[in-house]
Amino acid sequence: MIKRESRWKLLKIVLILYMVYAAVRMVFYGQGSLQSVIFDLGRIVLLVLLLWWLNTRSAPPGE
C-alpha cells in the first residue's frame, strides 16, 4: 500500500501538472472565445484552492 503522505504528494504533483496544462492550453488555444478563457481561468482557480486546502489539511499540527 502507498503511504498516506505519498498519496498526498502524488495528488499534489498531478494537480500542479494539470494546472500547468490548463494554463498552457489557455494561452495557446484559448484565443478563440471568451467563454473558453473564463472556463480555463475558473478551473485554474479551483485547482489552486484545492491545492491550498490539501496543504492546510495534510500539514502537521505544529506548523
C-alpha atoms as a PDB file:
ATOM      1  CA  MET A   1       0.000   0.000   0.000  1.00  0.00           C
ATOM      2  CA  ILE A   2       1.049   3.548  -0.632  1.00  0.00           C
ATOM      3  CA  LYS A   3       1.538   5.618   2.488  1.00  0.00           C
ATOM      4  CA  ARG A   4      -0.851   8.482   3.075  1.00  0.00           C
ATOM      5  CA  GLU A   5       1.917  11.122   2.736  1.00  0.00           C
ATOM      6  CA  SER A   6       2.975   9.632  -0.598  1.00  0.00           C
ATOM      7  CA  ARG A   7      -0.596   9.728  -1.859  1.00  0.00           C
ATOM      8  CA  TRP A   8      -0.928  13.417  -0.914  1.00  0.00           C
ATOM      9  CA  LYS A   9       2.377  14.235  -2.658  1.00  0.00           C
ATOM     10  CA  LEU A  10       1.324  12.322  -5.767  1.00  0.00           C
ATOM     11  CA  LEU A  11      -2.052  14.073  -5.810  1.00  0.00           C
ATOM     12  CA  LYS A  12      -0.374  17.476  -5.449  1.00  0.00           C
ATOM     13  CA  ILE A  13       2.016  16.717  -8.326  1.00  0.00           C
ATOM     14  CA  VAL A  14      -0.859  15.626 -10.565  1.00  0.00           C
ATOM     15  CA  LEU A  15      -2.838  18.778  -9.707  1.00  0.00           C
ATOM     16  CA  ILE A  16       0.162  21.026 -10.399  1.00  0.00           C
ATOM     17  CA  LEU A  17       0.783  19.342 -13.757  1.00  0.00           C
ATOM     18  CA  TYR A  18      -2.898  19.720 -14.647  1.00  0.00           C
ATOM     19  CA  MET A  19      -2.768  23.422 -13.693  1.00  0.00           C
ATOM     20  CA  VAL A  20       0.245  23.915 -15.959  1.00  0.00           C
ATOM     21  CA  TYR A  21      -1.587  22.108 -18.766  1.00  0.00           C
ATOM     22  CA  ALA A  22      -4.679  24.294 -18.286  1.00  0.00           C
ATOM     23  CA  ALA A  23      -2.553  27.469 -18.300  1.00  0.00           C
ATOM     24  CA  VAL A  24      -0.692  26.441 -21.469  1.00  0.00           C
ATOM     25  CA  ARG A  25      -3.952  25.456 -23.131  1.00  0.00           C
ATOM     26  CA  MET A  26      -5.481  28.802 -22.174  1.00  0.00           C
ATOM     27  CA  VAL A  27      -2.530  30.764 -23.572  1.00  0.00           C
ATOM     28  CA  PHE A  28      -2.155  28.898 -26.863  1.00  0.00           C
ATOM     29  CA  TYR A  29      -5.622  27.574 -27.670  1.00  0.00           C
ATOM     30  CA  GLY A  30      -7.955  29.818 -25.682  1.00  0.00           C
ATOM     31  CA  GLN A  31      -7.747  32.759 -28.063  1.00  0.00           C
ATOM     32  CA  GLY A  32     -10.878  31.641 -29.875  1.00  0.00           C
ATOM     33  CA  SER A  33     -13.627  32.548 -27.457  1.00  0.00           C
ATOM     34  CA  LEU A  34     -14.015  34.404 -24.204  1.00  0.00           C
ATOM     35  CA  GLN A  35     -16.040  31.545 -22.748  1.00  0.00           C
ATOM     36  CA  SER A  36     -13.166  29.055 -23.035  1.00  0.00           C
ATOM     37  CA  VAL A  37     -10.740  31.541 -21.425  1.00  0.00           C
ATOM     38  CA  ILE A  38     -13.115  32.122 -18.492  1.00  0.00           C
ATOM     39  CA  PHE A  39     -13.637  28.359 -18.139  1.00  0.00           C
ATOM     40  CA  ASP A  40      -9.879  27.704 -18.039  1.00  0.00           C
ATOM     41  CA  LEU A  41      -9.296  30.527 -15.542  1.00  0.00           C
ATOM     42  CA  GLY A  42     -12.037  29.154 -13.313  1.00  0.00           C
ATOM     43  CA  ARG A  43     -10.522  25.687 -13.496  1.00  0.00           C
ATOM     44  CA  ILE A  44      -7.073  27.035 -12.535  1.00  0.00           C
ATOM     45  CA  VAL A  45      -8.542  28.970  -9.580  1.00  0.00           C
ATOM     46  CA  LEU A  46     -10.399  25.870  -8.360  1.00  0.00           C
ATOM     47  CA  LEU A  47      -7.225  23.783  -8.587  1.00  0.00           C
ATOM     48  CA  VAL A  48      -5.233  26.405  -6.657  1.00  0.00           C
ATOM     49  CA  LEU A  49      -7.898  26.409  -3.936  1.00  0.00           C
ATOM     50  CA  LEU A  50      -7.840  22.599  -3.838  1.00  0.00           C
ATOM     51  CA  LEU A  51      -4.043  22.568  -3.511  1.00  0.00           C
ATOM     52  CA  TRP A  52      -4.228  25.154  -0.712  1.00  0.00           C
ATOM     53  CA  TRP A  53      -6.839  23.043   1.093  1.00  0.00           C
ATOM     54  CA  LEU A  54      -4.705  19.914   0.715  1.00  0.00           C
ATOM     55  CA  ASN A  55      -1.650  21.742   2.075  1.00  0.00           C
ATOM     56  CA  THR A  56      -3.507  23.012   5.134  1.00  0.00           C
ATOM     57  CA  ARG A  57      -5.155  19.634   5.723  1.00  0.00           C
ATOM     58  CA  SER A  58      -2.018  17.499   5.431  1.00  0.00           C
ATOM     59  CA  ALA A  59       0.310  19.807   7.392  1.00  0.00           C
ATOM     60  CA  PRO A  60       1.349  18.606  10.846  1.00  0.00           C
ATOM     61  CA  PRO A  61      -0.420  20.398  13.727  1.00  0.00           C
ATOM     62  CA  GLY A  62       2.746  22.195  14.862  1.00  0.00           C
ATOM     63  CA  GLU A  63       3.285  24.064  11.613  1.00  0.00           C
END
